[in-house]
Protein backbone atom coordinates (compact mmCIF):
# COMPACT_ATOMS: atom_id res chain seq x y z
CA UNK A 1 0.00 0.00 0.00
CA UNK A 2 2.85 2.41 0.72
CA UNK A 3 5.05 1.68 -2.28
CA UNK A 4 3.85 2.13 -5.82
CA UNK A 5 5.15 0.10 -8.74
CA UNK A 6 6.30 3.30 -10.43
CA UNK A 7 9.20 4.19 -8.20
CA UNK A 8 11.51 6.99 -9.32
CA UNK A 9 15.26 6.45 -9.33
CA UNK A 10 16.46 9.79 -8.03
CA UNK A 11 20.13 8.85 -8.46
CA UNK A 12 19.68 8.30 -12.20
CA UNK A 13 17.96 11.66 -12.61
CA UNK A 14 20.73 13.28 -10.58
CA UNK A 15 23.51 11.73 -12.68
CA UNK A 16 21.86 12.62 -15.99
CA UNK A 17 21.26 16.16 -14.77
CA UNK A 18 24.90 16.56 -13.72
CA UNK A 19 26.07 15.57 -17.18
CA UNK A 20 23.47 17.34 -19.33
CA UNK A 21 22.79 20.42 -17.17
CA UNK A 22 25.81 20.86 -14.89
CA UNK A 23 24.90 24.44 -13.90
CA UNK A 24 21.39 23.51 -12.74
CA UNK A 25 22.03 20.11 -11.24
CA UNK A 26 23.50 21.25 -7.96
CA UNK A 27 21.50 20.27 -4.93
CA UNK A 28 23.19 19.97 -1.55
CA UNK A 29 21.76 17.17 0.52
CA UNK A 30 22.29 16.88 4.26
CA UNK A 31 22.99 13.15 3.92
CA UNK A 32 21.69 12.27 7.38
CA UNK A 33 21.27 8.58 6.46
CA UNK A 34 17.97 8.28 8.33
CA UNK A 35 15.27 6.56 6.29
CA UNK A 36 12.46 9.10 6.59
CA UNK A 37 14.79 12.09 6.30
CA UNK A 38 16.42 10.56 3.20
CA UNK A 39 13.03 10.05 1.57
CA UNK A 40 11.85 13.57 2.32
CA UNK A 41 15.11 15.05 1.11
CA UNK A 42 14.96 13.00 -2.10
CA UNK A 43 11.49 14.43 -2.72
CA UNK A 44 12.91 17.93 -2.26
CA UNK A 45 15.74 17.07 -4.63
CA UNK A 46 13.22 15.96 -7.26
CA UNK A 47 11.34 19.23 -6.79
CA UNK A 48 14.61 21.06 -7.42
CA UNK A 49 15.15 19.18 -10.69
CA UNK A 50 11.55 19.79 -11.73
CA UNK A 51 11.88 23.52 -11.09
CA UNK A 52 15.30 24.00 -12.68
CA UNK A 53 15.65 21.38 -15.41
CA UNK A 54 12.22 20.00 -16.26
CA UNK A 55 10.42 23.33 -16.18
CA UNK A 56 8.10 24.40 -18.97
C-alpha cells in the first residue's frame, strides 16, 4: 500500500542532470542517512530538478 510500482530512481535523474545540465544540477543534501529524512530530502531534490531542469 505504501510503495507504488512506479518508483523513481532519483540517483539516475541526478547523474543525468549533472552531465546534461551541470549548472542547474546542484542540490546539496544533508545526507543524514535516516530513512524518513532521506526520503523527504529526495522528494525535495526531485522538486529542485523539476523547477530548474524540467520546467516548462
